[in-house]
Amino acid sequence: MNVQIEEGWKRVLAPEFEKPYFKELTDFVRQEYRATTVYPPGRLIFNAFNLCPFDKVKVVIIGQDPYHGPGQAHGLCFSVNDGIPFPPSLQNIFKEIHDDLGMPIPASGNLTRWAEQGVLLLNATLTVRAHQAGSHQGKGWEIFTDAVIRVLAESREHLVFILWGSYAQKKGAFIDRQRHLVLTSVHPSPLSAYHGFFGNKHFSRANAYLVEHGEKPIQW
């Protein structure tokens, strides 16, 4: 796994790349890509970082695992490639944006346009075996993505962290609420969306906070 990652991220994450766990993770991931089908394609593992440079991050959304079906995952949490039907959670995200901001439901579930505006779409685990949800959990990715969240929380000011569901909330539990806006609710999956995801107004609240701190709002 040759780490092709944006220069700003490379600088702040340099200590992680040298740690024993990351070398073990790299060996494991390389082996998996050789032996079986893994998503996303290798060149897109760090897509979230390359589309959203460290110095440009305004909002962080934390997901769990990449999608494990063909053609879906491209390195951004909740996002799918153009032409792929919306997974249920993404459908609910677009419904909430529509209800919150009055924006039409887009034709594509590709969230690259968010990433390019400063939204880091970070999965906790950056790779997965085809059709095997959670298959790359516990191999070191979570340590790496914890370090990503920590470096953002500790070296930047006035970011918005959006934590949907208990998994993301645990991962972001340490973030200083005086220094950043932390928005939490249940997950947008169909199992929980009606228990507090719909109506959370996270998109308008994120934008209001960004504007208050002199940043351009996100075109969700």
N, C-alpha and C. Protein backbone atom coordinates (compact mmCIF):
# COMPACT_ATOMS: atom_id res chain seq x y z
N MET A 1 0.84 -1.19 0.00
CA MET A 1 0.00 0.00 0.00
C MET A 1 0.88 1.24 0.00
N ASN A 2 1.02 1.81 -1.16
CA ASN A 2 1.83 3.01 -1.26
C ASN A 2 0.95 4.19 -0.87
N VAL A 3 1.29 4.87 0.23
CA VAL A 3 0.42 5.91 0.76
C VAL A 3 0.54 7.18 -0.08
N GLN A 4 -0.37 7.29 -1.06
CA GLN A 4 -0.45 8.52 -1.86
C GLN A 4 -1.48 9.40 -1.19
N ILE A 5 -1.01 10.34 -0.40
CA ILE A 5 -1.94 11.16 0.38
C ILE A 5 -1.52 12.61 0.29
N GLU A 6 -2.49 13.49 0.28
CA GLU A 6 -2.27 14.93 0.14
C GLU A 6 -1.19 15.42 1.11
N GLU A 7 -0.39 16.38 0.65
CA GLU A 7 0.81 16.80 1.40
C GLU A 7 0.53 17.25 2.83
N GLY A 8 -0.55 18.02 3.01
CA GLY A 8 -0.87 18.49 4.37
C GLY A 8 -1.16 17.34 5.31
N TRP A 9 -1.91 16.36 4.81
CA TRP A 9 -2.20 15.17 5.61
C TRP A 9 -0.94 14.36 5.86
N LYS A 10 -0.11 14.26 4.82
CA LYS A 10 1.13 13.50 4.95
C LYS A 10 1.98 14.08 6.09
N ARG A 11 2.00 15.40 6.15
CA ARG A 11 2.79 16.09 7.19
C ARG A 11 2.26 15.78 8.59
N VAL A 12 0.94 15.97 8.79
CA VAL A 12 0.41 15.81 10.15
C VAL A 12 0.29 14.36 10.58
N LEU A 13 0.21 13.44 9.60
CA LEU A 13 0.04 12.02 9.94
C LEU A 13 1.35 11.24 9.86
N ALA A 14 2.43 11.93 9.54
CA ALA A 14 3.74 11.26 9.38
C ALA A 14 4.06 10.31 10.55
N PRO A 15 3.83 10.73 11.82
CA PRO A 15 4.14 9.82 12.93
C PRO A 15 3.37 8.50 12.84
N GLU A 16 2.12 8.55 12.37
CA GLU A 16 1.32 7.31 12.29
C GLU A 16 1.92 6.33 11.29
N PHE A 17 2.37 6.85 10.14
CA PHE A 17 2.88 5.98 9.08
C PHE A 17 4.12 5.20 9.53
N GLU A 18 4.78 5.69 10.58
CA GLU A 18 6.00 5.02 11.07
C GLU A 18 5.72 4.00 12.17
N LYS A 19 4.51 3.95 12.67
CA LYS A 19 4.23 3.09 13.83
C LYS A 19 4.07 1.63 13.40
N PRO A 20 4.41 0.70 14.29
CA PRO A 20 4.32 -0.73 13.96
C PRO A 20 2.93 -1.14 13.48
N TYR A 21 1.86 -0.62 14.12
CA TYR A 21 0.51 -1.04 13.72
C TYR A 21 0.24 -0.70 12.27
N PHE A 22 0.77 0.45 11.79
CA PHE A 22 0.48 0.87 10.42
C PHE A 22 1.23 -0.01 9.43
N LYS A 23 2.42 -0.43 9.79
CA LYS A 23 3.17 -1.36 8.92
C LYS A 23 2.43 -2.70 8.83
N GLU A 24 1.90 -3.18 9.96
CA GLU A 24 1.13 -4.44 9.96
C GLU A 24 -0.15 -4.28 9.14
N LEU A 25 -0.82 -3.15 9.32
CA LEU A 25 -2.05 -2.86 8.56
C LEU A 25 -1.75 -2.85 7.06
N THR A 26 -0.68 -2.18 6.68
CA THR A 26 -0.29 -2.10 5.28
C THR A 26 -0.06 -3.49 4.69
N ASP A 27 0.65 -4.33 5.43
CA ASP A 27 0.91 -5.71 4.97
C ASP A 27 -0.40 -6.47 4.80
N PHE A 28 -1.29 -6.34 5.78
CA PHE A 28 -2.58 -7.03 5.72
C PHE A 28 -3.39 -6.57 4.50
N VAL A 29 -3.47 -5.24 4.31
CA VAL A 29 -4.29 -4.70 3.21
C VAL A 29 -3.72 -5.11 1.86
N ARG A 30 -2.40 -5.03 1.71
CA ARG A 30 -1.77 -5.46 0.44
C ARG A 30 -2.11 -6.90 0.10
N GLN A 31 -2.00 -7.73 1.12
CA GLN A 31 -2.28 -9.17 0.96
C GLN A 31 -3.74 -9.39 0.55
N GLU A 32 -4.65 -8.66 1.18
CA GLU A 32 -6.08 -8.78 0.87
C GLU A 32 -6.37 -8.39 -0.58
N TYR A 33 -5.78 -7.28 -1.02
CA TYR A 33 -6.01 -6.84 -2.41
C TYR A 33 -5.46 -7.86 -3.41
N ARG A 34 -4.38 -8.53 -3.03
CA ARG A 34 -3.82 -9.56 -3.93
C ARG A 34 -4.70 -10.80 -3.96
N ALA A 35 -5.27 -11.16 -2.80
CA ALA A 35 -5.93 -12.46 -2.65
C ALA A 35 -7.41 -12.47 -3.01
N THR A 36 -8.07 -11.30 -2.91
CA THR A 36 -9.53 -11.30 -3.05
C THR A 36 -9.99 -9.94 -3.56
N THR A 37 -11.30 -9.76 -3.69
CA THR A 37 -11.83 -8.46 -4.11
C THR A 37 -12.04 -7.58 -2.89
N VAL A 38 -11.45 -6.40 -2.92
CA VAL A 38 -11.54 -5.46 -1.79
C VAL A 38 -12.03 -4.13 -2.33
N TYR A 39 -12.85 -3.46 -1.53
CA TYR A 39 -13.33 -2.11 -1.89
C TYR A 39 -12.85 -1.10 -0.86
N PRO A 40 -12.65 0.16 -1.27
CA PRO A 40 -12.73 0.69 -2.64
C PRO A 40 -11.50 0.23 -3.45
N PRO A 41 -11.43 0.56 -4.76
CA PRO A 41 -10.20 0.28 -5.51
C PRO A 41 -9.00 0.89 -4.78
N GLY A 42 -7.87 0.20 -4.82
CA GLY A 42 -6.69 0.62 -4.05
C GLY A 42 -6.32 2.09 -4.19
N ARG A 43 -6.44 2.62 -5.39
CA ARG A 43 -6.03 4.02 -5.60
C ARG A 43 -6.95 5.01 -4.90
N LEU A 44 -8.11 4.52 -4.42
CA LEU A 44 -9.09 5.42 -3.78
C LEU A 44 -9.16 5.26 -2.26
N ILE A 45 -8.26 4.47 -1.69
CA ILE A 45 -8.31 4.25 -0.24
C ILE A 45 -8.27 5.59 0.51
N PHE A 46 -7.41 6.50 0.05
CA PHE A 46 -7.25 7.80 0.73
C PHE A 46 -7.95 8.93 -0.01
N ASN A 47 -8.98 8.59 -0.77
CA ASN A 47 -9.70 9.57 -1.57
C ASN A 47 -10.26 10.72 -0.72
N ALA A 48 -10.79 10.40 0.47
CA ALA A 48 -11.36 11.44 1.34
C ALA A 48 -10.33 12.51 1.67
N PHE A 49 -9.08 12.08 1.88
CA PHE A 49 -8.00 13.00 2.25
C PHE A 49 -7.52 13.79 1.04
N ASN A 50 -7.46 13.12 -0.10
CA ASN A 50 -6.94 13.78 -1.30
C ASN A 50 -7.92 14.81 -1.86
N LEU A 51 -9.21 14.57 -1.69
CA LEU A 51 -10.21 15.54 -2.16
C LEU A 51 -10.40 16.69 -1.17
N CYS A 52 -10.03 16.45 0.09
CA CYS A 52 -10.25 17.45 1.14
C CYS A 52 -8.95 17.65 1.92
N PRO A 53 -8.06 18.52 1.43
CA PRO A 53 -6.76 18.72 2.07
C PRO A 53 -6.90 19.13 3.55
N PHE A 54 -5.90 18.79 4.33
CA PHE A 54 -5.93 19.04 5.78
C PHE A 54 -6.30 20.49 6.11
N ASP A 55 -5.68 21.42 5.42
CA ASP A 55 -5.89 22.85 5.74
C ASP A 55 -7.25 23.36 5.31
N LYS A 56 -7.98 22.57 4.50
CA LYS A 56 -9.27 23.02 3.96
C LYS A 56 -10.46 22.41 4.70
N VAL A 57 -10.19 21.51 5.65
CA VAL A 57 -11.30 20.83 6.34
C VAL A 57 -12.13 21.83 7.13
N LYS A 58 -13.45 21.77 6.95
CA LYS A 58 -14.38 22.59 7.74
C LYS A 58 -15.34 21.71 8.55
N VAL A 59 -15.73 20.58 7.93
CA VAL A 59 -16.72 19.69 8.52
C VAL A 59 -16.18 18.26 8.43
N VAL A 60 -16.41 17.47 9.48
CA VAL A 60 -16.02 16.06 9.46
C VAL A 60 -17.28 15.22 9.70
N ILE A 61 -17.56 14.30 8.78
CA ILE A 61 -18.65 13.33 8.97
C ILE A 61 -18.01 11.95 9.11
N ILE A 62 -18.39 11.24 10.17
CA ILE A 62 -17.75 9.95 10.45
C ILE A 62 -18.69 8.80 10.13
N GLY A 63 -18.25 7.93 9.24
CA GLY A 63 -18.96 6.69 8.93
C GLY A 63 -18.21 5.52 9.54
N GLN A 64 -18.65 4.31 9.19
CA GLN A 64 -18.04 3.14 9.82
C GLN A 64 -17.22 2.31 8.84
N ASP A 65 -17.87 1.73 7.84
CA ASP A 65 -17.24 0.80 6.91
C ASP A 65 -17.51 1.26 5.49
N PRO A 66 -16.63 1.01 4.54
CA PRO A 66 -16.99 1.27 3.14
C PRO A 66 -18.14 0.34 2.72
N TYR A 67 -18.89 0.76 1.71
CA TYR A 67 -19.88 -0.14 1.11
C TYR A 67 -19.15 -1.35 0.54
N HIS A 68 -19.80 -2.51 0.59
CA HIS A 68 -19.10 -3.74 0.17
C HIS A 68 -19.69 -4.36 -1.08
N GLY A 69 -20.54 -3.61 -1.80
CA GLY A 69 -21.09 -4.11 -3.07
C GLY A 69 -20.31 -3.55 -4.24
N PRO A 70 -20.39 -4.19 -5.41
CA PRO A 70 -19.60 -3.74 -6.56
C PRO A 70 -19.94 -2.32 -7.00
N GLY A 71 -18.90 -1.54 -7.26
CA GLY A 71 -19.07 -0.22 -7.85
C GLY A 71 -19.55 0.87 -6.90
N GLN A 72 -19.80 0.52 -5.63
CA GLN A 72 -20.35 1.52 -4.71
C GLN A 72 -19.27 2.41 -4.10
N ALA A 73 -18.34 1.79 -3.37
CA ALA A 73 -17.39 2.55 -2.54
C ALA A 73 -16.35 3.27 -3.39
N HIS A 74 -16.09 4.53 -3.03
CA HIS A 74 -14.98 5.24 -3.68
C HIS A 74 -14.21 6.10 -2.69
N GLY A 75 -14.19 5.64 -1.43
CA GLY A 75 -13.32 6.26 -0.44
C GLY A 75 -13.93 7.39 0.35
N LEU A 76 -15.22 7.67 0.17
CA LEU A 76 -15.91 8.73 0.92
C LEU A 76 -17.08 8.08 1.67
N CYS A 77 -17.20 8.33 2.96
CA CYS A 77 -18.28 7.68 3.70
C CYS A 77 -19.65 8.17 3.20
N PHE A 78 -20.59 7.27 3.18
CA PHE A 78 -21.99 7.48 2.75
C PHE A 78 -22.14 7.73 1.25
N SER A 79 -21.05 7.97 0.52
CA SER A 79 -21.10 8.36 -0.88
C SER A 79 -21.00 7.14 -1.79
N VAL A 80 -21.68 7.22 -2.95
CA VAL A 80 -21.53 6.17 -3.98
C VAL A 80 -21.17 6.82 -5.32
N ASN A 81 -20.58 6.02 -6.18
CA ASN A 81 -20.24 6.50 -7.51
C ASN A 81 -21.49 6.93 -8.29
N ASP A 82 -21.30 7.79 -9.27
CA ASP A 82 -22.38 8.18 -10.17
C ASP A 82 -23.04 6.93 -10.77
N GLY A 83 -24.34 6.99 -10.90
CA GLY A 83 -25.07 5.89 -11.56
C GLY A 83 -25.42 4.73 -10.66
N ILE A 84 -24.97 4.77 -9.40
CA ILE A 84 -25.27 3.69 -8.44
C ILE A 84 -26.52 4.10 -7.65
N PRO A 85 -27.49 3.21 -7.49
CA PRO A 85 -28.68 3.57 -6.69
C PRO A 85 -28.28 4.00 -5.27
N PHE A 86 -29.03 4.93 -4.71
CA PHE A 86 -28.72 5.42 -3.35
C PHE A 86 -28.94 4.32 -2.32
N PRO A 87 -27.93 4.02 -1.50
CA PRO A 87 -28.18 3.14 -0.35
C PRO A 87 -29.18 3.83 0.61
N PRO A 88 -29.87 3.06 1.46
CA PRO A 88 -30.92 3.63 2.30
C PRO A 88 -30.47 4.80 3.19
N SER A 89 -29.30 4.70 3.81
CA SER A 89 -28.85 5.80 4.68
C SER A 89 -28.65 7.09 3.89
N LEU A 90 -28.10 6.96 2.69
CA LEU A 90 -27.86 8.14 1.87
C LEU A 90 -29.19 8.75 1.41
N GLN A 91 -30.15 7.90 1.11
CA GLN A 91 -31.50 8.38 0.78
C GLN A 91 -32.04 9.25 1.90
N ASN A 92 -31.86 8.78 3.14
CA ASN A 92 -32.37 9.51 4.31
C ASN A 92 -31.60 10.80 4.55
N ILE A 93 -30.30 10.79 4.25
CA ILE A 93 -29.49 12.02 4.37
C ILE A 93 -30.03 13.07 3.40
N PHE A 94 -30.27 12.67 2.17
CA PHE A 94 -30.79 13.63 1.19
C PHE A 94 -32.20 14.12 1.57
N LYS A 95 -33.00 13.24 2.15
CA LYS A 95 -34.35 13.64 2.58
C LYS A 95 -34.25 14.71 3.68
N GLU A 96 -33.32 14.50 4.62
CA GLU A 96 -33.16 15.49 5.70
C GLU A 96 -32.64 16.82 5.16
N ILE A 97 -31.71 16.77 4.20
CA ILE A 97 -31.21 18.02 3.59
C ILE A 97 -32.38 18.75 2.90
N HIS A 98 -33.21 17.99 2.23
CA HIS A 98 -34.38 18.58 1.56
C HIS A 98 -35.31 19.24 2.58
N ASP A 99 -35.59 18.52 3.67
CA ASP A 99 -36.50 19.06 4.69
C ASP A 99 -35.88 20.24 5.45
N ASP A 100 -34.57 20.17 5.66
CA ASP A 100 -33.85 21.19 6.44
C ASP A 100 -33.60 22.46 5.62
N LEU A 101 -33.16 22.29 4.39
CA LEU A 101 -32.70 23.43 3.58
C LEU A 101 -33.52 23.68 2.32
N GLY A 102 -34.49 22.78 2.07
CA GLY A 102 -35.33 22.95 0.88
C GLY A 102 -34.63 22.62 -0.42
N MET A 103 -33.48 21.93 -0.33
CA MET A 103 -32.74 21.62 -1.55
C MET A 103 -33.32 20.37 -2.22
N PRO A 104 -33.35 20.35 -3.57
CA PRO A 104 -33.88 19.17 -4.25
C PRO A 104 -32.99 17.94 -4.02
N ILE A 105 -33.57 16.76 -4.09
CA ILE A 105 -32.81 15.51 -3.99
C ILE A 105 -31.94 15.41 -5.24
N PRO A 106 -30.62 15.26 -5.11
CA PRO A 106 -29.76 15.22 -6.29
C PRO A 106 -29.95 13.93 -7.11
N ALA A 107 -29.47 13.99 -8.34
CA ALA A 107 -29.59 12.83 -9.23
C ALA A 107 -28.54 11.77 -8.92
N SER A 108 -27.42 12.19 -8.32
CA SER A 108 -26.32 11.27 -8.04
C SER A 108 -26.01 11.25 -6.55
N GLY A 109 -25.60 10.07 -6.07
CA GLY A 109 -25.19 9.93 -4.67
C GLY A 109 -23.70 10.15 -4.46
N ASN A 110 -23.04 10.73 -5.46
CA ASN A 110 -21.60 11.00 -5.38
C ASN A 110 -21.38 12.29 -4.61
N LEU A 111 -20.72 12.19 -3.45
CA LEU A 111 -20.55 13.35 -2.55
C LEU A 111 -19.19 14.03 -2.73
N THR A 112 -18.54 13.77 -3.87
CA THR A 112 -17.25 14.44 -4.14
C THR A 112 -17.39 15.94 -4.00
N ARG A 113 -18.53 16.49 -4.42
CA ARG A 113 -18.71 17.95 -4.35
C ARG A 113 -18.69 18.45 -2.91
N TRP A 114 -19.12 17.63 -1.95
CA TRP A 114 -18.99 18.02 -0.54
C TRP A 114 -17.52 18.04 -0.13
N ALA A 115 -16.82 16.97 -0.49
CA ALA A 115 -15.40 16.84 -0.11
C ALA A 115 -14.60 18.03 -0.63
N GLU A 116 -14.90 18.45 -1.85
CA GLU A 116 -14.15 19.56 -2.45
C GLU A 116 -14.46 20.90 -1.81
N GLN A 117 -15.54 20.95 -1.01
CA GLN A 117 -15.87 22.18 -0.27
C GLN A 117 -15.34 22.16 1.16
N GLY A 118 -14.66 21.07 1.55
CA GLY A 118 -14.10 21.03 2.90
C GLY A 118 -14.81 20.09 3.85
N VAL A 119 -15.57 19.11 3.31
CA VAL A 119 -16.21 18.10 4.16
C VAL A 119 -15.38 16.82 4.09
N LEU A 120 -14.77 16.46 5.22
CA LEU A 120 -13.99 15.21 5.28
C LEU A 120 -14.97 14.07 5.55
N LEU A 121 -15.14 13.20 4.56
CA LEU A 121 -16.10 12.09 4.65
C LEU A 121 -15.33 10.83 5.05
N LEU A 122 -15.17 10.67 6.36
CA LEU A 122 -14.20 9.71 6.91
C LEU A 122 -14.86 8.44 7.43
N ASN A 123 -14.58 7.32 6.80
CA ASN A 123 -14.96 6.04 7.39
C ASN A 123 -13.94 5.64 8.45
N ALA A 124 -14.41 4.96 9.50
CA ALA A 124 -13.50 4.48 10.55
C ALA A 124 -12.55 3.42 10.01
N THR A 125 -13.06 2.60 9.10
CA THR A 125 -12.28 1.55 8.44
C THR A 125 -12.24 1.90 6.96
N LEU A 126 -11.08 1.92 6.35
CA LEU A 126 -10.97 2.46 4.99
C LEU A 126 -11.04 1.40 3.89
N THR A 127 -11.08 0.12 4.26
CA THR A 127 -11.18 -0.95 3.26
C THR A 127 -12.13 -2.04 3.78
N VAL A 128 -12.63 -2.86 2.85
CA VAL A 128 -13.53 -3.96 3.23
C VAL A 128 -13.48 -5.02 2.13
N ARG A 129 -13.64 -6.29 2.51
CA ARG A 129 -13.77 -7.36 1.50
C ARG A 129 -15.14 -7.28 0.84
N ALA A 130 -15.20 -7.62 -0.43
CA ALA A 130 -16.47 -7.65 -1.15
C ALA A 130 -17.48 -8.52 -0.39
N HIS A 131 -18.67 -7.98 -0.21
CA HIS A 131 -19.81 -8.70 0.38
C HIS A 131 -19.57 -9.18 1.81
N GLN A 132 -18.57 -8.61 2.50
CA GLN A 132 -18.32 -9.02 3.90
C GLN A 132 -18.19 -7.78 4.77
N ALA A 133 -19.32 -7.27 5.21
CA ALA A 133 -19.33 -6.07 6.05
C ALA A 133 -18.44 -6.28 7.28
N GLY A 134 -17.65 -5.28 7.61
CA GLY A 134 -16.84 -5.34 8.83
C GLY A 134 -15.62 -6.22 8.74
N SER A 135 -15.32 -6.74 7.55
CA SER A 135 -14.24 -7.74 7.42
C SER A 135 -12.85 -7.17 7.67
N HIS A 136 -12.67 -5.85 7.57
CA HIS A 136 -11.36 -5.26 7.85
C HIS A 136 -11.35 -4.45 9.15
N GLN A 137 -12.35 -4.68 9.98
CA GLN A 137 -12.35 -4.02 11.29
C GLN A 137 -11.33 -4.70 12.20
N GLY A 138 -10.79 -3.93 13.14
CA GLY A 138 -9.86 -4.50 14.12
C GLY A 138 -8.48 -4.82 13.58
N LYS A 139 -8.14 -4.27 12.41
CA LYS A 139 -6.83 -4.55 11.80
C LYS A 139 -5.88 -3.35 11.90
N GLY A 140 -6.37 -2.24 12.45
CA GLY A 140 -5.52 -1.06 12.61
C GLY A 140 -6.09 0.21 12.02
N TRP A 141 -7.07 0.07 11.12
CA TRP A 141 -7.64 1.29 10.53
C TRP A 141 -8.23 2.22 11.58
N GLU A 142 -8.90 1.63 12.59
CA GLU A 142 -9.56 2.47 13.60
C GLU A 142 -8.55 3.30 14.38
N ILE A 143 -7.36 2.73 14.61
CA ILE A 143 -6.30 3.49 15.31
C ILE A 143 -5.89 4.67 14.45
N PHE A 144 -5.74 4.41 13.16
CA PHE A 144 -5.33 5.45 12.22
C PHE A 144 -6.39 6.56 12.15
N THR A 145 -7.66 6.18 12.01
CA THR A 145 -8.69 7.21 11.87
C THR A 145 -8.95 7.94 13.19
N ASP A 146 -8.71 7.29 14.33
CA ASP A 146 -8.74 8.02 15.61
C ASP A 146 -7.67 9.12 15.61
N ALA A 147 -6.50 8.78 15.07
CA ALA A 147 -5.40 9.78 15.01
C ALA A 147 -5.78 10.94 14.10
N VAL A 148 -6.49 10.64 13.01
CA VAL A 148 -6.95 11.69 12.09
C VAL A 148 -7.88 12.67 12.82
N ILE A 149 -8.84 12.12 13.57
CA ILE A 149 -9.80 12.95 14.29
C ILE A 149 -9.08 13.77 15.36
N ARG A 150 -8.13 13.12 16.03
CA ARG A 150 -7.40 13.80 17.10
C ARG A 150 -6.58 14.97 16.56
N VAL A 151 -5.88 14.76 15.46
CA VAL A 151 -5.03 15.83 14.93
C VAL A 151 -5.88 17.01 14.46
N LEU A 152 -7.04 16.72 13.91
CA LEU A 152 -7.95 17.81 13.52
C LEU A 152 -8.48 18.55 14.76
N ALA A 153 -8.94 17.78 15.74
CA ALA A 153 -9.55 18.38 16.93
C ALA A 153 -8.54 19.21 17.72
N GLU A 154 -7.27 18.78 17.70
CA GLU A 154 -6.27 19.44 18.55
C GLU A 154 -5.53 20.56 17.83
N SER A 155 -5.46 20.52 16.50
CA SER A 155 -4.64 21.54 15.83
C SER A 155 -5.46 22.53 15.02
N ARG A 156 -6.78 22.33 14.95
CA ARG A 156 -7.64 23.26 14.22
C ARG A 156 -8.68 23.86 15.17
N GLU A 157 -9.29 24.97 14.77
CA GLU A 157 -10.34 25.61 15.56
C GLU A 157 -11.64 25.61 14.76
N HIS A 158 -12.76 25.61 15.47
CA HIS A 158 -14.09 25.87 14.88
C HIS A 158 -14.43 24.95 13.71
N LEU A 159 -14.16 23.67 13.88
CA LEU A 159 -14.62 22.67 12.92
C LEU A 159 -16.00 22.17 13.36
N VAL A 160 -16.72 21.59 12.42
CA VAL A 160 -18.00 20.93 12.74
C VAL A 160 -17.78 19.43 12.62
N PHE A 161 -18.03 18.71 13.70
CA PHE A 161 -17.97 17.24 13.68
C PHE A 161 -19.39 16.70 13.74
N ILE A 162 -19.77 15.91 12.74
CA ILE A 162 -21.11 15.34 12.66
C ILE A 162 -21.02 13.85 12.97
N LEU A 163 -21.64 13.47 14.09
CA LEU A 163 -21.51 12.10 14.60
C LEU A 163 -22.89 11.45 14.66
N TRP A 164 -23.16 10.58 13.69
CA TRP A 164 -24.46 9.90 13.62
C TRP A 164 -24.32 8.48 14.13
N GLY A 165 -25.09 8.15 15.16
CA GLY A 165 -25.07 6.79 15.69
C GLY A 165 -24.02 6.63 16.78
N SER A 166 -24.19 5.58 17.59
CA SER A 166 -23.34 5.41 18.77
C SER A 166 -21.89 5.14 18.41
N TYR A 167 -21.66 4.47 17.30
CA TYR A 167 -20.27 4.17 16.91
C TYR A 167 -19.49 5.47 16.67
N ALA A 168 -20.05 6.35 15.86
CA ALA A 168 -19.38 7.63 15.56
C ALA A 168 -19.27 8.48 16.82
N GLN A 169 -20.28 8.44 17.67
CA GLN A 169 -20.26 9.25 18.89
C GLN A 169 -19.15 8.81 19.84
N LYS A 170 -18.95 7.49 19.94
CA LYS A 170 -17.84 7.00 20.78
C LYS A 170 -16.50 7.46 20.20
N LYS A 171 -16.40 7.40 18.88
CA LYS A 171 -15.14 7.76 18.22
C LYS A 171 -14.81 9.24 18.41
N GLY A 172 -15.84 10.06 18.52
CA GLY A 172 -15.61 11.50 18.68
C GLY A 172 -15.82 12.01 20.09
N ALA A 173 -15.88 11.09 21.06
CA ALA A 173 -16.23 11.47 22.44
C ALA A 173 -15.25 12.47 23.06
N PHE A 174 -13.98 12.41 22.65
CA PHE A 174 -12.95 13.25 23.29
C PHE A 174 -12.89 14.68 22.73
N ILE A 175 -13.62 14.97 21.66
CA ILE A 175 -13.49 16.28 20.99
C ILE A 175 -13.95 17.40 21.93
N ASP A 176 -13.16 18.46 22.01
CA ASP A 176 -13.45 19.60 22.88
C ASP A 176 -14.63 20.40 22.32
N ARG A 177 -15.73 20.35 23.06
CA ARG A 177 -16.97 21.03 22.62
C ARG A 177 -16.89 22.55 22.73
N GLN A 178 -15.89 23.05 23.47
CA GLN A 178 -15.71 24.51 23.55
C GLN A 178 -15.02 25.04 22.29
N ARG A 179 -14.29 24.18 21.66
CA ARG A 179 -13.43 24.59 20.54
C ARG A 179 -14.07 24.30 19.18
N HIS A 180 -14.95 23.30 19.14
CA HIS A 180 -15.58 22.85 17.90
C HIS A 180 -17.08 22.64 18.13
N LEU A 181 -17.84 22.63 17.05
CA LEU A 181 -19.26 22.26 17.13
C LEU A 181 -19.36 20.76 16.90
N VAL A 182 -19.97 20.05 17.85
CA VAL A 182 -20.16 18.61 17.71
C VAL A 182 -21.66 18.34 17.64
N LEU A 183 -22.11 17.84 16.50
CA LEU A 183 -23.53 17.55 16.28
C LEU A 183 -23.75 16.05 16.35
N THR A 184 -24.68 15.61 17.19
CA THR A 184 -24.91 14.17 17.34
C THR A 184 -26.40 13.85 17.15
N SER A 185 -26.65 12.68 16.60
CA SER A 185 -28.03 12.15 16.54
C SER A 185 -27.92 10.66 16.27
N VAL A 186 -29.07 10.00 16.18
CA VAL A 186 -29.06 8.60 15.76
C VAL A 186 -28.57 8.53 14.30
N HIS A 187 -28.31 7.33 13.86
CA HIS A 187 -27.79 7.08 12.51
C HIS A 187 -28.91 7.25 11.48
N PRO A 188 -28.56 7.67 10.24
CA PRO A 188 -29.60 7.81 9.21
C PRO A 188 -30.12 6.50 8.62
N SER A 189 -29.69 5.36 9.13
CA SER A 189 -30.18 4.09 8.56
C SER A 189 -31.69 3.97 8.81
N PRO A 190 -32.38 3.21 7.95
CA PRO A 190 -33.84 3.07 8.11
C PRO A 190 -34.25 2.55 9.49
N LEU A 191 -33.35 1.83 10.17
CA LEU A 191 -33.68 1.29 11.49
C LEU A 191 -33.85 2.38 12.53
N SER A 192 -33.12 3.50 12.36
CA SER A 192 -33.14 4.51 13.42
C SER A 192 -33.54 5.91 12.97
N ALA A 193 -33.64 6.14 11.66
CA ALA A 193 -33.80 7.51 11.15
C ALA A 193 -35.01 8.24 11.74
N TYR A 194 -36.10 7.48 12.00
CA TYR A 194 -37.32 8.12 12.52
C TYR A 194 -37.24 8.37 14.03
N HIS A 195 -36.12 8.00 14.65
CA HIS A 195 -35.98 8.19 16.10
C HIS A 195 -35.02 9.34 16.41
N GLY A 196 -34.96 10.33 15.52
CA GLY A 196 -34.15 11.50 15.84
C GLY A 196 -33.17 11.93 14.77
N PHE A 197 -33.07 11.18 13.67
CA PHE A 197 -32.24 11.69 12.57
C PHE A 197 -33.03 12.73 11.78
N PHE A 198 -34.24 12.35 11.38
CA PHE A 198 -35.08 13.32 10.67
C PHE A 198 -35.42 14.47 11.62
N GLY A 199 -35.17 15.67 11.14
CA GLY A 199 -35.45 16.85 11.97
C GLY A 199 -34.26 17.31 12.80
N ASN A 200 -33.10 16.64 12.66
CA ASN A 200 -31.94 17.07 13.48
C ASN A 200 -31.33 18.39 12.99
N LYS A 201 -31.66 18.78 11.76
CA LYS A 201 -31.20 20.06 11.19
C LYS A 201 -29.67 20.25 11.25
N HIS A 202 -28.96 19.14 11.13
CA HIS A 202 -27.49 19.23 11.21
C HIS A 202 -26.89 20.06 10.08
N PHE A 203 -27.52 20.06 8.93
CA PHE A 203 -26.92 20.74 7.77
C PHE A 203 -27.04 22.26 7.90
N SER A 204 -28.20 22.73 8.34
CA SER A 204 -28.35 24.18 8.55
C SER A 204 -27.56 24.63 9.79
N ARG A 205 -27.49 23.79 10.80
CA ARG A 205 -26.73 24.15 12.01
C ARG A 205 -25.23 24.22 11.71
N ALA A 206 -24.75 23.28 10.92
CA ALA A 206 -23.33 23.30 10.52
C ALA A 206 -23.03 24.59 9.76
N ASN A 207 -23.90 24.94 8.80
CA ASN A 207 -23.67 26.14 8.00
C ASN A 207 -23.72 27.41 8.83
N ALA A 208 -24.67 27.49 9.77
CA ALA A 208 -24.78 28.67 10.63
C ALA A 208 -23.50 28.86 11.43
N TYR A 209 -22.94 27.76 11.93
CA TYR A 209 -21.70 27.83 12.72
C TYR A 209 -20.52 28.26 11.85
N LEU A 210 -20.44 27.71 10.64
CA LEU A 210 -19.35 28.09 9.72
C LEU A 210 -19.41 29.59 9.41
N VAL A 211 -20.60 30.07 9.10
CA VAL A 211 -20.77 31.50 8.76
C VAL A 211 -20.39 32.38 9.96
N GLU A 212 -20.82 31.94 11.15
CA GLU A 212 -20.51 32.67 12.39
C GLU A 212 -19.00 32.81 12.59
N HIS A 213 -18.23 31.81 12.10
CA HIS A 213 -16.78 31.84 12.26
C HIS A 213 -16.06 32.22 10.97
N GLY A 214 -16.77 32.95 10.11
CA GLY A 214 -16.12 33.54 8.94
C GLY A 214 -15.83 32.60 7.79
N GLU A 215 -16.50 31.44 7.77
CA GLU A 215 -16.29 30.48 6.69
C GLU A 215 -17.48 30.47 5.74
N LYS A 216 -17.24 30.07 4.51
CA LYS A 216 -18.34 29.92 3.56
C LYS A 216 -19.17 28.70 3.94
N PRO A 217 -20.50 28.79 3.87
CA PRO A 217 -21.32 27.61 4.16
C PRO A 217 -21.14 26.54 3.07
N ILE A 218 -21.48 25.32 3.42
CA ILE A 218 -21.40 24.20 2.46
C ILE A 218 -22.65 24.19 1.59
N GLN A 219 -22.48 24.02 0.31
CA GLN A 219 -23.62 23.79 -0.58
C GLN A 219 -23.96 22.30 -0.52
N TRP A 220 -24.83 21.95 0.39
CA TRP A 220 -25.19 20.54 0.59
C TRP A 220 -26.01 20.04 -0.60
